[in-house]
């Protein structure tokens, strides 16, 4: 029983740290985007999206590609965002 509780505590701690890391990755990507570093932001967002299919991240990734004038990629990620959340808008990503 004692080892079960210890395993449970370790598992919950790990899950919490992974969830926090995901949020931190998104927040970092958002800051990079706001600074105009669209290429690095896009890379961060792609890593974040490997773990979590977040419509806000897809939308921001679409805008990053739009700012880099990579329009086909931009459209691809906007479509992903709208597929998950048809009501998403620019105001919802900040």
PDB file of N, CA and C in Angstrom:
ATOM      1  N   UNK A   1       0.830  -1.200   0.000  1.00  0.00           N
ATOM      2  CA  UNK A   1       0.000   0.000   0.000  1.00  0.00           C
ATOM      3  C   UNK A   1       0.869   1.255   0.000  1.00  0.00           C
ATOM      4  N   UNK A   2       1.919   1.218   0.806  1.00  0.00           N
ATOM      5  CA  UNK A   2       2.804   2.374   0.905  1.00  0.00           C
ATOM      6  C   UNK A   2       3.460   2.664  -0.453  1.00  0.00           C
ATOM      7  N   UNK A   3       3.891   1.607  -1.154  1.00  0.00           N
ATOM      8  CA  UNK A   3       4.527   1.820  -2.454  1.00  0.00           C
ATOM      9  C   UNK A   3       3.517   2.333  -3.490  1.00  0.00           C
ATOM     10  N   UNK A   4       2.259   1.925  -3.355  1.00  0.00           N
ATOM     11  CA  UNK A   4       1.211   2.425  -4.242  1.00  0.00           C
ATOM     12  C   UNK A   4       1.029   3.928  -4.060  1.00  0.00           C
ATOM     13  N   UNK A   5       0.986   4.367  -2.842  1.00  0.00           N
ATOM     14  CA  UNK A   5       0.807   5.798  -2.546  1.00  0.00           C
ATOM     15  C   UNK A   5       1.997   6.595  -3.063  1.00  0.00           C
ATOM     16  N   UNK A   6       3.196   6.075  -2.866  1.00  0.00           N
ATOM     17  CA  UNK A   6       4.389   6.774  -3.353  1.00  0.00           C
ATOM     18  C   UNK A   6       4.356   6.850  -4.878  1.00  0.00           C
ATOM     19  N   UNK A   7       3.978   5.750  -5.530  1.00  0.00           N
ATOM     20  CA  UNK A   7       3.876   5.745  -6.993  1.00  0.00           C
ATOM     21  C   UNK A   7       2.829   6.737  -7.473  1.00  0.00           C
ATOM     22  N   UNK A   8       1.716   6.800  -6.764  1.00  0.00           N
ATOM     23  CA  UNK A   8       0.651   7.734  -7.117  1.00  0.00           C
ATOM     24  C   UNK A   8       1.125   9.173  -6.993  1.00  0.00           C
ATOM     25  N   UNK A   9       1.831   9.479  -5.938  1.00  0.00           N
ATOM     26  CA  UNK A   9       2.352  10.842  -5.730  1.00  0.00           C
ATOM     27  C   UNK A   9       3.330  11.211  -6.837  1.00  0.00           C
ATOM     28  N   UNK A  10       4.207  10.290  -7.187  1.00  0.00           N
ATOM     29  CA  UNK A  10       5.184  10.551  -8.247  1.00  0.00           C
ATOM     30  C   UNK A  10       4.478  10.762  -9.580  1.00  0.00           C
ATOM     31  N   UNK A  11       3.484   9.932  -9.871  1.00  0.00           N
ATOM     32  CA  UNK A  11       2.740  10.049 -11.124  1.00  0.00           C
ATOM     33  C   UNK A  11       2.013  11.382 -11.210  1.00  0.00           C
ATOM     34  N   UNK A  12       1.335  11.771 -10.144  1.00  0.00           N
ATOM     35  CA  UNK A  12       0.602  13.045 -10.126  1.00  0.00           C
ATOM     36  C   UNK A  12       1.568  14.214 -10.267  1.00  0.00           C
ATOM     37  N   UNK A  13       2.711  14.141  -9.624  1.00  0.00           N
ATOM     38  CA  UNK A  13       3.713  15.207  -9.735  1.00  0.00           C
ATOM     39  C   UNK A  13       4.225  15.326 -11.162  1.00  0.00           C
ATOM     40  N   UNK A  14       4.473  14.175 -11.797  1.00  0.00           N
ATOM     41  CA  UNK A  14       4.957  14.175 -13.174  1.00  0.00           C
ATOM     42  C   UNK A  14       3.920  14.765 -14.117  1.00  0.00           C
ATOM     43  N   UNK A  15       2.687  14.347 -13.972  1.00  0.00           N
ATOM     44  CA  UNK A  15       1.614  14.862 -14.830  1.00  0.00           C
ATOM     45  C   UNK A  15       1.466  16.367 -14.650  1.00  0.00           C
ATOM     46  N   UNK A  16       1.526  16.838 -13.428  1.00  0.00           N
ATOM     47  CA  UNK A  16       1.432  18.282 -13.164  1.00  0.00           C
ATOM     48  C   UNK A  16       2.571  19.050 -13.786  1.00  0.00           C
ATOM     49  N   UNK A  17       3.787  18.488 -13.728  1.00  0.00           N
ATOM     50  CA  UNK A  17       4.927  19.193 -14.300  1.00  0.00           C
ATOM     51  C   UNK A  17       4.853  19.213 -15.828  1.00  0.00           C
ATOM     52  N   UNK A  18       4.363  18.123 -16.446  1.00  0.00           N
ATOM     53  CA  UNK A  18       4.197  18.084 -17.898  1.00  0.00           C
ATOM     54  C   UNK A  18       3.139  19.094 -18.330  1.00  0.00           C
ATOM     55  N   UNK A  19       2.027  19.156 -17.619  1.00  0.00           N
ATOM     56  CA  UNK A  19       0.966  20.112 -17.955  1.00  0.00           C
ATOM     57  C   UNK A  19       1.476  21.539 -17.840  1.00  0.00           C
ATOM     58  N   UNK A  20       2.260  21.819 -16.802  1.00  0.00           N
ATOM     59  CA  UNK A  20       2.810  23.155 -16.629  1.00  0.00           C
ATOM     60  C   UNK A  20       3.796  23.476 -17.744  1.00  0.00           C
ATOM     61  N   UNK A  21       4.601  22.486 -18.137  1.00  0.00           N
ATOM     62  CA  UNK A  21       5.561  22.703 -19.219  1.00  0.00           C
ATOM     63  C   UNK A  21       4.834  23.037 -20.514  1.00  0.00           C
ATOM     64  N   UNK A  22       3.705  22.366 -20.774  1.00  0.00           N
ATOM     65  CA  UNK A  22       2.925  22.656 -21.975  1.00  0.00           C
ATOM     66  C   UNK A  22       2.446  24.095 -21.974  1.00  0.00           C
ATOM     67  N   UNK A  23       1.907  24.552 -20.857  1.00  0.00           N
ATOM     68  CA  UNK A  23       1.427  25.929 -20.750  1.00  0.00           C
ATOM     69  C   UNK A  23       2.592  26.895 -20.909  1.00  0.00           C
ATOM     70  N   UNK A  24       3.715  26.579 -20.317  1.00  0.00           N
ATOM     71  CA  UNK A  24       4.890  27.440 -20.424  1.00  0.00           C
ATOM     72  C   UNK A  24       5.353  27.529 -21.876  1.00  0.00           C
ATOM     73  N   UNK A  25       5.319  26.412 -22.605  1.00  0.00           N
ATOM     74  CA  UNK A  25       5.709  26.433 -24.018  1.00  0.00           C
ATOM     75  C   UNK A  25       4.784  27.331 -24.829  1.00  0.00           C
ATOM     76  N   UNK A  26       3.489  27.247 -24.579  1.00  0.00           N
ATOM     77  CA  UNK A  26       2.541  28.101 -25.298  1.00  0.00           C
ATOM     78  C   UNK A  26       2.771  29.573 -24.953  1.00  0.00           C
ATOM     79  N   UNK A  27       2.941  29.850 -23.667  1.00  0.00           N
ATOM     80  CA  UNK A  27       3.166  31.239 -23.238  1.00  0.00           C
ATOM     81  C   UNK A  27       4.457  31.796 -23.843  1.00  0.00           C
ATOM     82  N   UNK A  28       5.490  30.974 -23.884  1.00  0.00           N
ATOM     83  CA  UNK A  28       6.750  31.414 -24.477  1.00  0.00           C
ATOM     84  C   UNK A  28       6.576  31.690 -25.972  1.00  0.00           C
ATOM     85  N   UNK A  29       5.848  30.818 -26.653  1.00  0.00           N
ATOM     86  CA  UNK A  29       5.586  31.017 -28.081  1.00  0.00           C
ATOM     87  C   UNK A  29       4.792  32.297 -28.312  1.00  0.00           C
ATOM     88  N   UNK A  30       3.830  32.575 -27.455  1.00  0.00           N
ATOM     89  CA  UNK A  30       3.036  33.790 -27.575  1.00  0.00           C
ATOM     90  C   UNK A  30       3.916  35.026 -27.403  1.00  0.00           C
ATOM     91  N   UNK A  31       4.828  34.993 -26.444  1.00  0.00           N
ATOM     92  CA  UNK A  31       5.751  36.121 -26.248  1.00  0.00           C
ATOM     93  C   UNK A  31       6.666  36.299 -27.463  1.00  0.00           C
ATOM     94  N   UNK A  32       7.171  35.193 -27.992  1.00  0.00           N
ATOM     95  CA  UNK A  32       8.027  35.271 -29.180  1.00  0.00           C
ATOM     96  C   UNK A  32       7.254  35.863 -30.355  1.00  0.00           C
ATOM     97  N   UNK A  33       6.007  35.446 -30.518  1.00  0.00           N
ATOM     98  CA  UNK A  33       5.167  35.978 -31.585  1.00  0.00           C
ATOM     99  C   UNK A  33       4.996  37.491 -31.421  1.00  0.00           C
ATOM    100  N   UNK A  34       4.691  37.908 -30.212  1.00  0.00           N
ATOM    101  CA  UNK A  34       4.475  39.342 -29.957  1.00  0.00           C
ATOM    102  C   UNK A  34       5.744  40.159 -30.187  1.00  0.00           C
ATOM    103  N   UNK A  35       6.925  39.541 -30.009  1.00  0.00           N
ATOM    104  CA  UNK A  35       8.196  40.220 -30.257  1.00  0.00           C
ATOM    105  C   UNK A  35       8.558  40.235 -31.739  1.00  0.00           C
ATOM    106  N   UNK A  36       7.785  39.500 -32.547  1.00  0.00           N
ATOM    107  CA  UNK A  36       8.054  39.461 -33.973  1.00  0.00           C
ATOM    108  C   UNK A  36       8.967  38.325 -34.404  1.00  0.00           C
ATOM    109  N   UNK A  37       9.301  37.426 -33.489  1.00  0.00           N
ATOM    110  CA  UNK A  37      10.144  36.271 -33.813  1.00  0.00           C
ATOM    111  C   UNK A  37       9.230  35.121 -34.233  1.00  0.00           C
ATOM    112  N   UNK A  38       8.660  35.251 -35.422  1.00  0.00           N
ATOM    113  CA  UNK A  38       7.633  34.318 -35.879  1.00  0.00           C
ATOM    114  C   UNK A  38       8.178  32.920 -36.145  1.00  0.00           C
ATOM    115  N   UNK A  39       9.409  32.842 -36.640  1.00  0.00           N
ATOM    116  CA  UNK A  39       9.986  31.542 -36.946  1.00  0.00           C
ATOM    117  C   UNK A  39      10.188  30.714 -35.666  1.00  0.00           C
ATOM    118  N   UNK A  40      10.743  31.317 -34.645  1.00  0.00           N
ATOM    119  CA  UNK A  40      10.960  30.607 -33.385  1.00  0.00           C
ATOM    120  C   UNK A  40       9.628  30.290 -32.717  1.00  0.00           C
ATOM    121  N   UNK A  41       8.704  31.230 -32.790  1.00  0.00           N
ATOM    122  CA  UNK A  41       7.370  30.996 -32.223  1.00  0.00           C
ATOM    123  C   UNK A  41       6.704  29.808 -32.906  1.00  0.00           C
ATOM    124  N   UNK A  42       6.842  29.725 -34.222  1.00  0.00           N
ATOM    125  CA  UNK A  42       6.250  28.611 -34.963  1.00  0.00           C
ATOM    126  C   UNK A  42       6.844  27.280 -34.514  1.00  0.00           C
ATOM    127  N   UNK A  43       8.139  27.252 -34.306  1.00  0.00           N
ATOM    128  CA  UNK A  43       8.786  26.035 -33.828  1.00  0.00           C
ATOM    129  C   UNK A  43       8.279  25.621 -32.452  1.00  0.00           C
ATOM    130  N   UNK A  44       8.148  26.598 -31.554  1.00  0.00           N
ATOM    131  CA  UNK A  44       7.631  26.325 -30.202  1.00  0.00           C
ATOM    132  C   UNK A  44       6.201  25.804 -30.274  1.00  0.00           C
ATOM    133  N   UNK A  45       5.399  26.431 -31.110  1.00  0.00           N
ATOM    134  CA  UNK A  45       3.999  26.020 -31.233  1.00  0.00           C
ATOM    135  C   UNK A  45       3.871  24.610 -31.799  1.00  0.00           C
ATOM    136  N   UNK A  46       4.713  24.272 -32.755  1.00  0.00           N
ATOM    137  CA  UNK A  46       4.677  22.917 -33.311  1.00  0.00           C
ATOM    138  C   UNK A  46       5.015  21.885 -32.239  1.00  0.00           C
ATOM    139  N   UNK A  47       5.998  22.193 -31.408  1.00  0.00           N
ATOM    140  CA  UNK A  47       6.352  21.283 -30.309  1.00  0.00           C
ATOM    141  C   UNK A  47       5.190  21.155 -29.330  1.00  0.00           C
ATOM    142  N   UNK A  48       4.587  22.266 -29.001  1.00  0.00           N
ATOM    143  CA  UNK A  48       3.440  22.272 -28.090  1.00  0.00           C
ATOM    144  C   UNK A  48       2.290  21.442 -28.660  1.00  0.00           C
ATOM    145  N   UNK A  49       2.056  21.581 -29.956  1.00  0.00           N
ATOM    146  CA  UNK A  49       0.941  20.881 -30.598  1.00  0.00           C
ATOM    147  C   UNK A  49       1.163  19.376 -30.713  1.00  0.00           C
ATOM    148  N   UNK A  50       2.398  18.927 -30.596  1.00  0.00           N
ATOM    149  CA  UNK A  50       2.661  17.484 -30.575  1.00  0.00           C
ATOM    150  C   UNK A  50       2.034  16.833 -29.346  1.00  0.00           C
ATOM    151  N   UNK A  51       1.938  17.601 -28.275  1.00  0.00           N
ATOM    152  CA  UNK A  51       1.405  17.088 -27.017  1.00  0.00           C
ATOM    153  C   UNK A  51      -0.076  17.404 -26.811  1.00  0.00           C
ATOM    154  N   UNK A  52      -0.525  18.512 -27.400  1.00  0.00           N
ATOM    155  CA  UNK A  52      -1.885  18.965 -27.127  1.00  0.00           C
ATOM    156  C   UNK A  52      -2.491  19.640 -28.361  1.00  0.00           C
ATOM    157  N   UNK A  53      -3.547  19.082 -28.928  1.00  0.00           N
ATOM    158  CA  UNK A  53      -4.185  19.719 -30.092  1.00  0.00           C
ATOM    159  C   UNK A  53      -5.042  20.911 -29.665  1.00  0.00           C
ATOM    160  N   UNK A  54      -4.420  22.045 -29.507  1.00  0.00           N
ATOM    161  CA  UNK A  54      -5.048  23.250 -28.973  1.00  0.00           C
ATOM    162  C   UNK A  54      -5.422  24.197 -30.111  1.00  0.00           C
ATOM    163  N   UNK A  55      -6.706  24.536 -30.264  1.00  0.00           N
ATOM    164  CA  UNK A  55      -7.101  25.409 -31.373  1.00  0.00           C
ATOM    165  C   UNK A  55      -6.435  26.780 -31.321  1.00  0.00           C
ATOM    166  N   UNK A  56      -6.170  27.283 -30.118  1.00  0.00           N
ATOM    167  CA  UNK A  56      -5.523  28.587 -29.987  1.00  0.00           C
ATOM    168  C   UNK A  56      -4.085  28.536 -30.505  1.00  0.00           C
ATOM    169  N   UNK A  57      -3.407  27.438 -30.240  1.00  0.00           N
ATOM    170  CA  UNK A  57      -2.040  27.279 -30.730  1.00  0.00           C
ATOM    171  C   UNK A  57      -2.026  27.143 -32.251  1.00  0.00           C
ATOM    172  N   UNK A  58      -2.981  26.382 -32.796  1.00  0.00           N
ATOM    173  CA  UNK A  58      -3.076  26.279 -34.255  1.00  0.00           C
ATOM    174  C   UNK A  58      -3.342  27.646 -34.877  1.00  0.00           C
ATOM    175  N   UNK A  59      -4.206  28.411 -34.267  1.00  0.00           N
ATOM    176  CA  UNK A  59      -4.557  29.736 -34.787  1.00  0.00           C
ATOM    177  C   UNK A  59      -3.340  30.661 -34.764  1.00  0.00           C
ATOM    178  N   UNK A  60      -2.629  30.655 -33.642  1.00  0.00           N
ATOM    179  CA  UNK A  60      -1.433  31.484 -33.531  1.00  0.00           C
ATOM    180  C   UNK A  60      -0.366  31.027 -34.521  1.00  0.00           C
ATOM    181  N   UNK A  61      -0.246  29.728 -34.711  1.00  0.00           N
ATOM    182  CA  UNK A  61       0.705  29.196 -35.683  1.00  0.00           C
ATOM    183  C   UNK A  61       0.322  29.652 -37.097  1.00  0.00           C
ATOM    184  N   UNK A  62      -0.964  29.671 -37.379  1.00  0.00           N
ATOM    185  CA  UNK A  62      -1.422  30.187 -38.667  1.00  0.00           C
ATOM    186  C   UNK A  62      -1.015  31.629 -38.873  1.00  0.00           C
ATOM    187  N   UNK A  63      -1.153  32.442 -37.838  1.00  0.00           N
ATOM    188  CA  UNK A  63      -0.748  33.847 -37.944  1.00  0.00           C
ATOM    189  C   UNK A  63       0.766  33.991 -38.077  1.00  0.00           C
ATOM    190  N   UNK A  64       1.521  33.144 -37.391  1.00  0.00           N
ATOM    191  CA  UNK A  64       2.982  33.212 -37.505  1.00  0.00           C
ATOM    192  C   UNK A  64       3.394  32.940 -38.951  1.00  0.00           C
ATOM    193  N   UNK A  65       2.799  31.917 -39.551  1.00  0.00           N
ATOM    194  CA  UNK A  65       3.112  31.633 -40.951  1.00  0.00           C
ATOM    195  C   UNK A  65       2.617  32.745 -41.877  1.00  0.00           C
ATOM    196  N   UNK A  66       1.500  33.340 -41.560  1.00  0.00           N
ATOM    197  CA  UNK A  66       0.992  34.471 -42.338  1.00  0.00           C
ATOM    198  C   UNK A  66       1.997  35.626 -42.297  1.00  0.00           C
ATOM    199  N   UNK A  67       2.511  35.919 -41.112  1.00  0.00           N
ATOM    200  CA  UNK A  67       3.484  37.013 -40.971  1.00  0.00           C
ATOM    201  C   UNK A  67       4.778  36.717 -41.722  1.00  0.00           C
ATOM    202  N   UNK A  68       5.104  35.411 -41.866  1.00  0.00           N
ATOM    203  CA  UNK A  68       6.308  35.027 -42.610  1.00  0.00           C
ATOM    204  C   UNK A  68       6.027  34.897 -44.111  1.00  0.00           C
ATOM    205  N   UNK A  69       4.793  35.237 -44.519  1.00  0.00           N
ATOM    206  CA  UNK A  69       4.349  35.177 -45.919  1.00  0.00           C
ATOM    207  C   UNK A  69       4.363  33.750 -46.473  1.00  0.00           C
ATOM    208  N   UNK A  70       4.124  32.798 -45.599  1.00  0.00           N
ATOM    209  CA  UNK A  70       4.009  31.391 -46.005  1.00  0.00           C
ATOM    210  C   UNK A  70       2.524  31.048 -45.955  1.00  0.00           C
ATOM    211  N   UNK A  71       1.819  31.561 -46.940  1.00  0.00           N
ATOM    212  CA  UNK A  71       0.360  31.522 -46.934  1.00  0.00           C
ATOM    213  C   UNK A  71      -0.249  30.121 -46.983  1.00  0.00           C
ATOM    214  N   UNK A  72       0.282  29.191 -47.779  1.00  0.00           N
ATOM    215  CA  UNK A  72      -0.320  27.845 -47.761  1.00  0.00           C
ATOM    216  C   UNK A  72      -0.245  27.187 -46.367  1.00  0.00           C
ATOM    217  N   UNK A  73       0.902  27.365 -45.688  1.00  0.00           N
ATOM    218  CA  UNK A  73       1.022  26.834 -44.322  1.00  0.00           C
ATOM    219  C   UNK A  73       0.067  27.553 -43.380  1.00  0.00           C
ATOM    220  N   UNK A  74      -0.062  28.855 -43.575  1.00  0.00           N
ATOM    221  CA  UNK A  74      -0.967  29.646 -42.758  1.00  0.00           C
ATOM    222  C   UNK A  74      -2.395  29.120 -42.862  1.00  0.00           C
ATOM    223  N   UNK A  75      -2.849  28.901 -44.076  1.00  0.00           N
ATOM    224  CA  UNK A  75      -4.202  28.400 -44.306  1.00  0.00           C
ATOM    225  C   UNK A  75      -4.383  27.031 -43.655  1.00  0.00           C
ATOM    226  N   UNK A  76      -3.379  26.187 -43.781  1.00  0.00           N
ATOM    227  CA  UNK A  76      -3.432  24.837 -43.195  1.00  0.00           C
ATOM    228  C   UNK A  76      -3.702  24.907 -41.683  1.00  0.00           C
ATOM    229  N   UNK A  77      -2.975  25.769 -40.993  1.00  0.00           N
ATOM    230  CA  UNK A  77      -3.122  25.836 -39.531  1.00  0.00           C
ATOM    231  C   UNK A  77      -4.391  26.576 -39.107  1.00  0.00           C
ATOM    232  N   UNK A  78      -4.811  27.559 -39.894  1.00  0.00           N
ATOM    233  CA  UNK A  78      -6.105  28.190 -39.597  1.00  0.00           C
ATOM    234  C   UNK A  78      -7.232  27.161 -39.721  1.00  0.00           C
ATOM    235  N   UNK A  79      -7.162  26.326 -40.757  1.00  0.00           N
ATOM    236  CA  UNK A  79      -8.184  25.296 -40.931  1.00  0.00           C
ATOM    237  C   UNK A  79      -8.195  24.321 -39.752  1.00  0.00           C
ATOM    238  N   UNK A  80      -7.019  23.955 -39.266  1.00  0.00           N
ATOM    239  CA  UNK A  80      -6.935  23.072 -38.094  1.00  0.00           C
ATOM    240  C   UNK A  80      -7.623  23.721 -36.890  1.00  0.00           C
ATOM    241  N   UNK A  81      -7.358  25.000 -36.685  1.00  0.00           N
ATOM    242  CA  UNK A  81      -7.958  25.715 -35.555  1.00  0.00           C
ATOM    243  C   UNK A  81      -9.480  25.734 -35.673  1.00  0.00           C
ATOM    244  N   UNK A  82      -9.975  26.064 -36.866  1.00  0.00           N
ATOM    245  CA  UNK A  82     -11.422  26.150 -37.067  1.00  0.00           C
ATOM    246  C   UNK A  82     -12.099  24.782 -37.028  1.00  0.00           C
ATOM    247  N   UNK A  83     -11.370  23.734 -37.357  1.00  0.00           N
ATOM    248  CA  UNK A  83     -11.923  22.387 -37.263  1.00  0.00           C
ATOM    249  C   UNK A  83     -12.197  22.027 -35.798  1.00  0.00           C
ATOM    250  N   UNK A  84     -11.286  22.417 -34.930  1.00  0.00           N
ATOM    251  CA  UNK A  84     -11.438  22.120 -33.504  1.00  0.00           C
ATOM    252  C   UNK A  84     -12.431  23.070 -32.847  1.00  0.00           C
ATOM    253  N   UNK A  85     -12.339  24.364 -33.194  1.00  0.00           N
ATOM    254  CA  UNK A  85     -13.210  25.380 -32.584  1.00  0.00           C
ATOM    255  C   UNK A  85     -13.669  26.372 -33.651  1.00  0.00           C
ATOM    256  N   UNK A  86     -14.853  26.162 -34.218  1.00  0.00           N
ATOM    257  CA  UNK A  86     -15.348  27.040 -35.292  1.00  0.00           C
ATOM    258  C   UNK A  86     -15.559  28.496 -34.868  1.00  0.00           C
ATOM    259  N   UNK A  87     -15.604  28.763 -33.581  1.00  0.00           N
ATOM    260  CA  UNK A  87     -15.848  30.125 -33.097  1.00  0.00           C
ATOM    261  C   UNK A  87     -14.572  30.871 -32.700  1.00  0.00           C
ATOM    262  N   UNK A  88     -13.427  30.312 -32.984  1.00  0.00           N
ATOM    263  CA  UNK A  88     -12.174  30.950 -32.575  1.00  0.00           C
ATOM    264  C   UNK A  88     -11.993  32.283 -33.293  1.00  0.00           C
ATOM    265  N   UNK A  89     -11.352  33.229 -32.619  1.00  0.00           N
ATOM    266  CA  UNK A  89     -11.102  34.556 -33.208  1.00  0.00           C
ATOM    267  C   UNK A  89      -9.778  35.091 -32.694  1.00  0.00           C
ATOM    268  N   UNK A  90      -9.237  36.139 -33.350  1.00  0.00           N
ATOM    269  CA  UNK A  90      -7.963  36.692 -32.891  1.00  0.00           C
ATOM    270  C   UNK A  90      -7.984  37.147 -31.439  1.00  0.00           C
ATOM    271  N   UNK A  91      -9.090  37.677 -30.985  1.00  0.00           N
ATOM    272  CA  UNK A  91      -9.180  38.155 -29.599  1.00  0.00           C
ATOM    273  C   UNK A  91      -9.042  37.012 -28.597  1.00  0.00           C
ATOM    274  N   UNK A  92      -9.353  35.795 -29.000  1.00  0.00           N
ATOM    275  CA  UNK A  92      -9.344  34.673 -28.067  1.00  0.00           C
ATOM    276  C   UNK A  92      -7.954  34.099 -27.824  1.00  0.00           C
ATOM    277  N   UNK A  93      -6.937  34.498 -28.591  1.00  0.00           N
ATOM    278  CA  UNK A  93      -5.614  33.917 -28.401  1.00  0.00           C
ATOM    279  C   UNK A  93      -4.729  34.725 -27.474  1.00  0.00           C
ATOM    280  N   UNK A  94      -5.131  35.883 -27.063  1.00  0.00           N
ATOM    281  CA  UNK A  94      -4.257  36.704 -26.218  1.00  0.00           C
ATOM    282  C   UNK A  94      -4.542  36.545 -24.770  1.00  0.00           C
TER     283      UNK A  94
END
